[in-house]
């Protein structure tokens, strides 16, 4: 009498031909064509999603390096000298990336920045993702 068990590595005995399953009707998937140049209305809808995002904005007057002993010696009235000259523009950083340059202005006891130069649009968009 034949053993019905199969051993590892050997193929199981074929089952006798029973009722064959019915043929399936298979169709290819259809996708709408993608327009490489979406209309302006569609672009505006996508941009509307971004308008409510909040990003940190900071102004960099300049940079310097100091020894810890000099930092600990700082007191009221101390002056920290930066590498930039007073006439040079300040950097406007959005989300830590330089997006523009400007000059410091005073408006009714408040400081402000007048934008004098924007980083190229393509560079700004590219830097947002980094």
N, C-alpha and C. Protein backbone atom coordinates (compact mmCIF):
# COMPACT_ATOMS: atom_id res chain seq x y z
N UNK A 1 0.85 -1.17 0.00
CA UNK A 1 0.00 0.00 0.00
C UNK A 1 0.89 1.22 0.00
N UNK A 2 0.53 2.26 -0.77
CA UNK A 2 1.37 3.46 -0.91
C UNK A 2 1.13 4.39 0.27
N UNK A 3 2.23 5.03 0.70
CA UNK A 3 2.15 5.96 1.83
C UNK A 3 1.63 7.31 1.33
N UNK A 4 0.62 7.91 1.96
CA UNK A 4 0.03 9.18 1.52
C UNK A 4 0.85 10.37 1.96
N UNK A 5 1.78 10.20 2.88
CA UNK A 5 2.59 11.32 3.36
C UNK A 5 3.64 11.69 2.33
N UNK A 6 4.05 12.94 2.36
CA UNK A 6 5.14 13.38 1.50
C UNK A 6 6.31 13.75 2.38
N UNK A 7 7.48 13.61 1.87
CA UNK A 7 8.67 13.99 2.64
C UNK A 7 9.18 15.31 2.13
N UNK A 8 9.99 15.99 2.95
CA UNK A 8 10.54 17.29 2.55
C UNK A 8 11.31 17.14 1.27
N UNK A 9 11.08 18.07 0.34
CA UNK A 9 11.82 18.05 -0.91
C UNK A 9 11.13 17.26 -2.00
N UNK A 10 10.13 16.46 -1.67
CA UNK A 10 9.46 15.72 -2.72
C UNK A 10 8.11 16.36 -2.98
N UNK A 11 7.66 16.26 -4.17
CA UNK A 11 6.39 16.87 -4.56
C UNK A 11 5.24 16.00 -4.11
N UNK A 12 4.14 16.61 -3.64
CA UNK A 12 2.98 15.81 -3.24
C UNK A 12 2.36 15.14 -4.45
N UNK A 13 1.71 14.05 -4.20
CA UNK A 13 1.05 13.35 -5.30
C UNK A 13 -0.08 14.22 -5.82
N UNK A 14 -0.27 14.21 -7.12
CA UNK A 14 -1.31 15.05 -7.72
C UNK A 14 -2.68 14.48 -7.38
N UNK A 15 -3.58 15.41 -7.05
CA UNK A 15 -4.95 15.00 -6.74
C UNK A 15 -5.65 14.63 -8.04
N UNK A 16 -6.54 13.71 -7.97
CA UNK A 16 -7.28 13.38 -9.18
C UNK A 16 -8.07 14.58 -9.65
N UNK A 17 -8.26 14.69 -10.96
CA UNK A 17 -8.96 15.82 -11.57
C UNK A 17 -10.39 15.89 -11.07
N UNK A 18 -10.68 16.93 -10.27
CA UNK A 18 -12.04 17.14 -9.80
C UNK A 18 -12.66 18.21 -10.66
N UNK A 19 -13.78 18.73 -10.24
CA UNK A 19 -14.44 19.78 -11.01
C UNK A 19 -13.48 20.93 -11.23
N UNK A 20 -13.20 21.29 -12.46
CA UNK A 20 -12.31 22.41 -12.76
C UNK A 20 -13.01 23.71 -12.39
N UNK A 21 -12.24 24.68 -11.80
CA UNK A 21 -12.86 25.95 -11.42
C UNK A 21 -13.20 26.73 -12.68
N UNK A 22 -14.26 27.56 -12.60
CA UNK A 22 -14.68 28.30 -13.80
C UNK A 22 -13.61 29.32 -14.19
N UNK A 23 -13.53 29.64 -15.47
CA UNK A 23 -12.55 30.61 -15.98
C UNK A 23 -12.91 32.00 -15.46
N UNK A 24 -11.88 32.75 -15.03
CA UNK A 24 -12.09 34.10 -14.53
C UNK A 24 -11.97 35.11 -15.66
N UNK A 25 -12.83 36.10 -15.63
CA UNK A 25 -12.78 37.17 -16.62
C UNK A 25 -11.86 38.27 -16.07
N UNK A 26 -10.65 38.37 -16.57
CA UNK A 26 -9.66 39.34 -16.09
C UNK A 26 -9.56 40.48 -17.07
N UNK A 27 -9.64 41.71 -16.54
CA UNK A 27 -9.54 42.89 -17.38
C UNK A 27 -8.40 43.77 -16.86
N UNK A 28 -7.78 44.50 -17.74
CA UNK A 28 -6.71 45.42 -17.35
C UNK A 28 -7.29 46.64 -16.64
N UNK A 29 -6.50 47.22 -15.74
CA UNK A 29 -6.94 48.42 -15.02
C UNK A 29 -6.84 49.63 -15.93
N UNK A 30 -7.79 50.53 -15.79
CA UNK A 30 -7.77 51.77 -16.57
C UNK A 30 -7.59 52.94 -15.62
N UNK A 31 -6.64 53.80 -15.93
CA UNK A 31 -6.35 54.98 -15.11
C UNK A 31 -6.57 56.23 -15.94
N UNK A 32 -7.04 57.30 -15.30
CA UNK A 32 -7.18 58.55 -16.05
C UNK A 32 -5.79 59.07 -16.42
N UNK A 33 -5.71 59.76 -17.53
CA UNK A 33 -4.40 60.28 -17.95
C UNK A 33 -3.98 61.39 -16.99
N UNK A 34 -2.69 61.44 -16.71
CA UNK A 34 -2.15 62.46 -15.82
C UNK A 34 -1.70 63.65 -16.65
N UNK A 35 -2.21 64.81 -16.33
CA UNK A 35 -1.86 66.03 -17.05
C UNK A 35 -0.56 66.58 -16.45
N UNK A 36 0.53 66.63 -17.22
CA UNK A 36 1.78 67.15 -16.67
C UNK A 36 1.71 68.63 -16.33
N UNK A 37 0.76 69.34 -16.89
CA UNK A 37 0.58 70.77 -16.61
C UNK A 37 -0.83 71.01 -16.09
N UNK A 38 -1.05 70.80 -14.78
CA UNK A 38 -2.39 71.00 -14.24
C UNK A 38 -2.80 72.47 -14.37
N UNK A 39 -4.11 72.67 -14.46
CA UNK A 39 -4.59 74.04 -14.60
C UNK A 39 -4.32 74.84 -13.32
N UNK A 40 -4.40 76.15 -13.42
CA UNK A 40 -4.09 77.04 -12.30
C UNK A 40 -5.01 76.80 -11.10
N UNK A 41 -6.26 76.48 -11.34
CA UNK A 41 -7.20 76.24 -10.24
C UNK A 41 -6.77 75.06 -9.39
N UNK A 42 -6.26 74.02 -10.03
CA UNK A 42 -5.81 72.84 -9.30
C UNK A 42 -4.55 73.16 -8.49
N UNK A 43 -3.64 73.97 -9.06
CA UNK A 43 -2.43 74.37 -8.34
C UNK A 43 -2.80 75.19 -7.11
N UNK A 44 -3.77 76.09 -7.26
CA UNK A 44 -4.18 76.92 -6.13
C UNK A 44 -4.78 76.09 -5.01
N UNK A 45 -5.55 75.06 -5.35
CA UNK A 45 -6.14 74.19 -4.32
C UNK A 45 -5.03 73.51 -3.52
N UNK A 46 -4.00 73.04 -4.21
CA UNK A 46 -2.90 72.37 -3.53
C UNK A 46 -2.14 73.35 -2.64
N UNK A 47 -1.94 74.56 -3.12
CA UNK A 47 -1.22 75.57 -2.34
C UNK A 47 -2.03 76.02 -1.14
N UNK A 48 -3.35 76.02 -1.24
CA UNK A 48 -4.21 76.42 -0.13
C UNK A 48 -3.96 75.55 1.10
N UNK A 49 -3.59 74.30 0.89
CA UNK A 49 -3.30 73.40 2.01
C UNK A 49 -2.09 73.87 2.81
N UNK A 50 -1.17 74.56 2.16
CA UNK A 50 0.07 74.99 2.82
C UNK A 50 -0.06 76.34 3.52
N UNK A 51 -1.05 77.13 3.15
CA UNK A 51 -1.12 78.51 3.64
C UNK A 51 -1.30 78.62 5.15
N UNK A 52 -1.84 77.61 5.82
CA UNK A 52 -2.06 77.68 7.26
C UNK A 52 -0.92 77.08 8.08
N UNK A 53 0.15 76.67 7.42
CA UNK A 53 1.30 76.13 8.14
C UNK A 53 2.09 77.26 8.79
N UNK A 54 2.65 77.00 9.95
CA UNK A 54 3.47 77.98 10.65
C UNK A 54 4.93 77.54 10.58
N UNK A 55 5.80 78.46 10.19
CA UNK A 55 7.23 78.17 10.13
C UNK A 55 7.98 79.21 10.96
N UNK A 56 9.07 78.79 11.60
CA UNK A 56 9.86 79.76 12.39
C UNK A 56 10.63 80.71 11.47
N UNK A 57 10.58 81.99 11.79
CA UNK A 57 11.31 83.01 11.04
C UNK A 57 12.31 83.65 11.99
N UNK A 58 13.57 83.73 11.57
CA UNK A 58 14.58 84.36 12.41
C UNK A 58 15.45 85.26 11.54
N UNK A 59 16.06 86.24 12.20
CA UNK A 59 16.92 87.20 11.53
C UNK A 59 18.32 87.01 12.09
N UNK A 60 19.29 86.87 11.21
CA UNK A 60 20.66 86.68 11.65
C UNK A 60 21.44 87.96 11.38
N UNK A 61 21.81 88.64 12.47
CA UNK A 61 22.60 89.86 12.34
C UNK A 61 24.04 89.54 12.00
N UNK A 62 24.55 88.44 12.50
CA UNK A 62 25.93 88.05 12.26
C UNK A 62 26.28 86.87 13.13
N UNK A 63 27.52 86.42 13.00
CA UNK A 63 28.00 85.29 13.79
C UNK A 63 29.39 85.60 14.30
N UNK A 64 29.74 84.93 15.38
CA UNK A 64 31.08 85.03 15.93
C UNK A 64 31.37 83.80 16.76
N UNK A 65 32.62 83.59 17.08
CA UNK A 65 33.00 82.50 17.96
C UNK A 65 33.68 83.12 19.17
N UNK A 66 33.36 82.57 20.34
CA UNK A 66 33.93 83.10 21.58
C UNK A 66 34.41 81.95 22.45
N UNK A 67 35.43 82.22 23.23
CA UNK A 67 35.89 81.26 24.22
C UNK A 67 34.89 81.22 25.38
N UNK A 68 34.80 80.09 26.03
CA UNK A 68 33.87 79.96 27.16
C UNK A 68 34.22 80.99 28.24
N UNK A 69 35.50 81.22 28.48
CA UNK A 69 35.90 82.19 29.51
C UNK A 69 35.37 83.60 29.17
N UNK A 70 35.37 83.95 27.85
CA UNK A 70 34.86 85.27 27.44
C UNK A 70 33.34 85.34 27.57
N UNK A 71 32.68 84.23 27.29
CA UNK A 71 31.21 84.19 27.43
C UNK A 71 30.84 84.36 28.91
N UNK A 72 31.57 83.70 29.80
CA UNK A 72 31.28 83.80 31.23
C UNK A 72 31.59 85.19 31.77
N UNK A 73 32.46 85.94 31.09
CA UNK A 73 32.80 87.30 31.51
C UNK A 73 31.80 88.35 31.02
N UNK A 74 30.82 87.94 30.19
CA UNK A 74 29.84 88.91 29.68
C UNK A 74 29.01 89.47 30.82
N UNK A 75 28.77 90.78 30.76
CA UNK A 75 27.92 91.43 31.76
C UNK A 75 27.16 92.56 31.06
N UNK A 76 26.31 93.19 31.80
CA UNK A 76 25.52 94.29 31.24
C UNK A 76 26.47 95.34 30.68
N UNK A 77 26.23 95.74 29.44
CA UNK A 77 27.08 96.73 28.79
C UNK A 77 28.18 96.12 27.95
N UNK A 78 28.38 94.81 28.03
CA UNK A 78 29.40 94.16 27.20
C UNK A 78 28.99 94.24 25.73
N UNK A 79 29.96 94.28 24.86
CA UNK A 79 29.70 94.35 23.42
C UNK A 79 30.25 93.07 22.77
N UNK A 80 29.40 92.43 21.96
CA UNK A 80 29.82 91.24 21.21
C UNK A 80 29.96 91.68 19.76
N UNK A 81 31.15 91.52 19.22
CA UNK A 81 31.42 91.95 17.85
C UNK A 81 31.14 90.81 16.89
N UNK A 82 30.43 91.11 15.79
CA UNK A 82 30.10 90.13 14.77
C UNK A 82 31.05 90.26 13.59
N UNK A 83 31.06 89.23 12.75
CA UNK A 83 31.89 89.24 11.56
C UNK A 83 31.36 90.19 10.49
N UNK A 84 30.06 90.46 10.49
CA UNK A 84 29.47 91.35 9.49
C UNK A 84 29.68 92.81 9.84
N UNK A 85 29.74 93.62 8.81
CA UNK A 85 29.83 95.06 9.01
C UNK A 85 28.42 95.62 9.20
N UNK A 86 28.33 96.81 9.80
CA UNK A 86 27.02 97.42 10.06
C UNK A 86 26.27 97.71 8.76
N UNK A 87 26.98 97.94 7.67
CA UNK A 87 26.32 98.28 6.41
C UNK A 87 25.86 97.05 5.62
N UNK A 88 26.28 95.86 6.03
CA UNK A 88 25.89 94.65 5.31
C UNK A 88 24.46 94.25 5.65
N UNK A 89 23.76 93.61 4.68
CA UNK A 89 22.38 93.18 4.95
C UNK A 89 22.34 92.02 5.95
N UNK A 90 21.23 91.90 6.66
CA UNK A 90 21.02 90.78 7.58
C UNK A 90 20.34 89.66 6.81
N UNK A 91 20.52 88.43 7.29
CA UNK A 91 19.91 87.27 6.63
C UNK A 91 18.56 86.98 7.27
N UNK A 92 17.57 86.69 6.43
CA UNK A 92 16.25 86.31 6.90
C UNK A 92 16.14 84.80 6.68
N UNK A 93 16.01 84.07 7.78
CA UNK A 93 15.96 82.61 7.74
C UNK A 93 14.54 82.14 8.03
N UNK A 94 14.03 81.29 7.17
CA UNK A 94 12.72 80.70 7.39
C UNK A 94 12.94 79.20 7.50
N UNK A 95 12.53 78.66 8.64
CA UNK A 95 12.74 77.24 8.94
C UNK A 95 14.22 76.88 8.86
N UNK A 96 15.07 77.84 9.26
CA UNK A 96 16.51 77.62 9.30
C UNK A 96 17.21 77.78 7.96
N UNK A 97 16.49 78.13 6.91
CA UNK A 97 17.08 78.28 5.57
C UNK A 97 17.00 79.73 5.14
N UNK A 98 18.10 80.22 4.54
CA UNK A 98 18.12 81.62 4.09
C UNK A 98 17.16 81.80 2.92
N UNK A 99 16.21 82.73 3.09
CA UNK A 99 15.23 82.99 2.06
C UNK A 99 15.32 84.41 1.51
N UNK A 100 15.93 85.32 2.29
CA UNK A 100 16.01 86.71 1.85
C UNK A 100 17.09 87.44 2.63
N UNK A 101 17.35 88.66 2.20
CA UNK A 101 18.24 89.58 2.92
C UNK A 101 17.48 90.86 3.13
N UNK A 102 17.88 91.61 4.16
CA UNK A 102 17.20 92.86 4.43
C UNK A 102 18.03 93.78 5.28
N UNK A 103 17.43 94.93 5.59
CA UNK A 103 18.10 95.91 6.44
C UNK A 103 17.22 96.19 7.65
N UNK A 104 17.87 96.45 8.76
CA UNK A 104 17.15 96.70 10.01
C UNK A 104 16.56 98.10 9.96
N UNK A 105 15.29 98.22 10.37
CA UNK A 105 14.61 99.52 10.46
C UNK A 105 13.94 99.61 11.82
N UNK A 106 13.67 100.83 12.25
CA UNK A 106 12.97 101.06 13.51
C UNK A 106 11.66 101.75 13.17
N UNK A 107 10.55 101.17 13.66
CA UNK A 107 9.21 101.73 13.42
C UNK A 107 8.54 101.88 14.77
N UNK A 108 8.36 103.11 15.22
CA UNK A 108 7.70 103.38 16.50
C UNK A 108 8.23 102.50 17.63
N UNK A 109 9.47 102.57 17.94
CA UNK A 109 10.11 101.85 19.04
C UNK A 109 10.27 100.34 18.79
N UNK A 110 9.88 99.85 17.63
CA UNK A 110 10.01 98.42 17.32
C UNK A 110 11.00 98.23 16.18
N UNK A 111 11.76 97.14 16.27
CA UNK A 111 12.64 96.80 15.17
C UNK A 111 11.86 96.08 14.10
N UNK A 112 12.29 96.23 12.88
CA UNK A 112 11.71 95.52 11.76
C UNK A 112 12.79 95.27 10.73
N UNK A 113 12.46 94.54 9.71
CA UNK A 113 13.39 94.25 8.62
C UNK A 113 12.73 94.63 7.30
N UNK A 114 13.42 95.45 6.54
CA UNK A 114 12.96 95.78 5.19
C UNK A 114 13.66 94.82 4.24
N UNK A 115 12.90 94.02 3.52
CA UNK A 115 13.48 93.03 2.61
C UNK A 115 14.06 93.76 1.40
N UNK A 116 15.34 93.48 1.14
CA UNK A 116 16.02 94.13 0.02
C UNK A 116 16.34 93.16 -1.11
N UNK A 117 16.40 91.86 -0.80
CA UNK A 117 16.77 90.89 -1.82
C UNK A 117 16.16 89.53 -1.44
N UNK A 118 15.51 88.88 -2.40
CA UNK A 118 14.96 87.53 -2.18
C UNK A 118 15.86 86.50 -2.84
N UNK A 119 15.99 85.36 -2.21
CA UNK A 119 16.70 84.25 -2.82
C UNK A 119 15.86 83.79 -4.00
N UNK A 120 16.49 83.32 -5.07
CA UNK A 120 15.78 82.87 -6.26
C UNK A 120 14.66 81.90 -5.89
N UNK A 121 13.51 82.02 -6.54
CA UNK A 121 12.33 81.22 -6.22
C UNK A 121 12.62 79.72 -6.27
N UNK A 122 13.31 79.27 -7.28
CA UNK A 122 13.60 77.83 -7.40
C UNK A 122 14.46 77.37 -6.22
N UNK A 123 15.42 78.19 -5.80
CA UNK A 123 16.28 77.85 -4.66
C UNK A 123 15.48 77.84 -3.37
N UNK A 124 14.52 78.79 -3.23
CA UNK A 124 13.70 78.82 -2.01
C UNK A 124 12.87 77.55 -1.88
N UNK A 125 12.24 77.12 -2.96
CA UNK A 125 11.40 75.92 -2.92
C UNK A 125 12.27 74.70 -2.65
N UNK A 126 13.44 74.64 -3.28
CA UNK A 126 14.34 73.50 -3.08
C UNK A 126 14.82 73.44 -1.62
N UNK A 127 15.10 74.59 -1.01
CA UNK A 127 15.60 74.64 0.36
C UNK A 127 14.53 74.30 1.38
N UNK A 128 13.27 74.48 1.06
CA UNK A 128 12.20 74.19 2.03
C UNK A 128 12.16 72.71 2.37
N UNK A 129 12.52 71.86 1.44
CA UNK A 129 12.46 70.43 1.68
C UNK A 129 13.64 69.88 2.44
N UNK A 130 14.68 70.65 2.62
CA UNK A 130 15.88 70.15 3.30
C UNK A 130 15.81 70.33 4.77
